[in-house]
Amino acid sequence: TTLSISAVGGLSQHLKLILREAGHRDQARLDELFGWVVLVSLAAGSVGRFSFAWAAERYDKRRIVGAACVLLLAGLPLLHWAQSERLALLFGVVFGLGMSADSLMAPLLAVDLFGAARMGSAMSVIG
């Protein structure tokens, strides 16, 4: 969980530099693209939180966490090939969906390990 959260933080902090390296050199256009990618990522993250929480109640939690990790990994090649603005925005959607499950990973794993009755105590120690 910690590695996943730190990967999201590191990528978010370096996103503008990564977009510049992908070929977006004009500073005004780079700033605009960066803003749109962050906005799309946050919007997709909001939708993803509800979606992953809904799915976690109905399906195996390990598969849900695995799907979130796959989404995070699937966004990275899109960012590598983000010479076009559409691919950069698609990265924002895919990465935002995967990023949204980071806030759910610790509680989901705590429920699996300690049970629902002890989740509050476990989360107070973990968080």
Protein backbone atom coordinates (compact mmCIF):
# COMPACT_ATOMS: atom_id res chain seq x y z
CA THR A 1 0.00 0.00 0.00
CA THR A 2 2.78 2.44 0.89
CA LEU A 3 4.62 1.79 -2.36
CA SER A 4 1.48 2.34 -4.38
CA ILE A 5 0.70 5.63 -2.64
CA SER A 6 4.28 6.84 -3.05
CA ALA A 7 4.24 5.90 -6.75
CA VAL A 8 1.09 7.97 -7.26
CA GLY A 9 2.62 10.90 -5.37
CA GLY A 10 5.89 10.72 -7.28
CA LEU A 11 4.19 10.55 -10.63
CA SER A 12 1.87 13.41 -9.76
CA GLN A 13 4.79 15.61 -8.73
CA HIS A 14 6.76 14.89 -11.89
CA LEU A 15 3.87 14.87 -14.38
CA LYS A 16 4.71 18.24 -15.92
CA LEU A 17 8.33 17.21 -16.46
CA ILE A 18 7.23 13.92 -18.00
CA LEU A 19 4.87 15.72 -20.38
CA ARG A 20 7.68 18.09 -21.36
CA GLU A 21 9.95 15.13 -22.12
CA ALA A 22 7.16 13.61 -24.24
CA GLY A 23 7.46 16.56 -26.60
CA HIS A 24 5.15 19.25 -25.23
CA ARG A 25 7.65 22.15 -25.28
CA ASP A 26 5.44 25.26 -25.49
CA GLN A 27 5.11 26.41 -21.85
CA ALA A 28 1.59 27.84 -22.15
CA ARG A 29 0.32 24.72 -23.92
CA LEU A 30 2.16 22.50 -21.42
CA ASP A 31 0.53 24.30 -18.50
CA GLU A 32 -2.90 23.89 -20.08
CA LEU A 33 -2.37 20.19 -20.84
CA PHE A 34 -1.05 19.58 -17.34
CA GLY A 35 -4.14 21.23 -15.86
CA TRP A 36 -6.49 19.15 -18.00
CA VAL A 37 -4.69 15.89 -17.22
CA VAL A 38 -4.86 16.61 -13.48
CA LEU A 39 -8.55 17.59 -13.73
CA VAL A 40 -9.45 14.48 -15.72
CA SER A 41 -7.46 12.32 -13.31
CA LEU A 42 -9.26 13.76 -10.28
CA ALA A 43 -12.68 13.38 -11.94
CA ALA A 44 -11.92 9.77 -12.89
CA GLY A 45 -10.68 9.21 -9.33
CA SER A 46 -14.00 10.36 -7.91
CA VAL A 47 -15.92 8.00 -10.18
CA GLY A 48 -13.44 5.23 -9.41
CA ARG A 49 -13.86 5.53 -5.63
CA PHE A 50 -17.56 4.88 -5.89
CA SER A 51 -17.07 2.12 -8.46
CA PHE A 52 -14.39 0.28 -6.49
CA ALA A 53 -16.32 0.61 -3.22
CA TRP A 54 -19.46 -0.76 -4.91
CA ALA A 55 -17.48 -3.63 -6.46
CA ALA A 56 -15.68 -4.41 -3.18
CA GLU A 57 -19.01 -5.07 -1.49
CA ARG A 58 -20.06 -7.54 -4.17
CA TYR A 59 -16.89 -9.25 -5.39
CA ASP A 60 -13.63 -10.64 -4.04
CA LYS A 61 -11.61 -7.81 -2.53
CA ARG A 62 -8.29 -9.19 -3.74
CA ARG A 63 -9.50 -9.03 -7.33
CA ILE A 64 -10.64 -5.45 -6.85
CA VAL A 65 -7.26 -4.39 -5.45
CA GLY A 66 -5.56 -6.31 -8.27
CA ALA A 67 -7.70 -4.54 -10.87
CA ALA A 68 -6.72 -1.18 -9.37
CA CYS A 69 -3.03 -2.06 -9.58
CA VAL A 70 -3.46 -3.17 -13.20
CA LEU A 71 -5.11 0.17 -14.01
CA LEU A 72 -2.21 2.06 -12.44
CA LEU A 73 0.26 0.01 -14.47
CA ALA A 74 -1.79 0.33 -17.67
CA GLY A 75 -1.55 4.09 -17.50
CA LEU A 76 2.24 4.19 -17.51
CA PRO A 77 2.76 3.15 -21.17
CA LEU A 78 0.16 5.73 -22.16
CA LEU A 79 2.20 8.39 -20.42
CA HIS A 80 5.37 7.16 -22.10
CA TRP A 81 3.76 7.60 -25.52
CA ALA A 82 1.94 10.81 -24.63
CA GLN A 83 3.14 12.84 -27.60
CA SER A 84 -0.50 13.52 -28.47
CA GLU A 85 -2.79 15.35 -26.11
CA ARG A 86 -5.46 12.66 -26.44
CA LEU A 87 -3.11 9.99 -25.09
CA ALA A 88 -2.17 12.29 -22.21
CA LEU A 89 -5.87 12.74 -21.36
CA LEU A 90 -6.48 9.00 -21.71
CA PHE A 91 -3.62 8.48 -19.29
CA GLY A 92 -5.42 10.84 -16.88
CA VAL A 93 -8.58 8.73 -17.04
CA VAL A 94 -6.86 5.35 -16.64
CA PHE A 95 -4.45 6.54 -13.96
CA GLY A 96 -7.21 8.38 -12.10
CA LEU A 97 -9.31 5.23 -11.93
CA GLY A 98 -6.36 3.24 -10.62
CA MET A 99 -5.34 5.98 -8.22
CA SER A 100 -8.81 6.05 -6.68
CA ALA A 101 -8.38 2.61 -5.20
CA ASP A 102 -5.33 3.68 -3.18
CA SER A 103 -7.58 5.12 -0.50
CA LEU A 104 -9.52 1.84 -0.42
CA MET A 105 -6.62 -0.60 -0.33
CA ALA A 106 -5.75 -0.30 3.35
CA PRO A 107 -9.34 -0.66 4.64
CA LEU A 108 -10.06 -3.55 2.26
CA LEU A 109 -6.95 -5.41 3.32
CA ALA A 110 -7.64 -4.65 7.01
CA VAL A 111 -11.11 -6.17 6.70
CA ASP A 112 -9.64 -9.30 5.09
CA LEU A 113 -6.95 -9.69 7.74
CA PHE A 114 -8.74 -8.61 10.93
CA GLY A 115 -12.47 -8.82 10.13
CA ALA A 116 -15.08 -6.09 9.97
CA ALA A 117 -15.56 -5.92 13.74
CA ARG A 118 -11.87 -5.12 14.37
CA MET A 119 -11.29 -2.93 11.32
CA GLY A 120 -11.56 0.34 13.28
CA SER A 121 -8.89 -0.74 15.74
CA ALA A 122 -6.63 -2.00 12.97
CA MET A 123 -7.00 1.21 10.94
CA SER A 124 -6.16 3.36 13.96
CA VAL A 125 -2.86 1.52 14.28
CA ILE A 126 -2.16 1.42 10.54
CA GLY A 127 -3.14 5.04 9.76
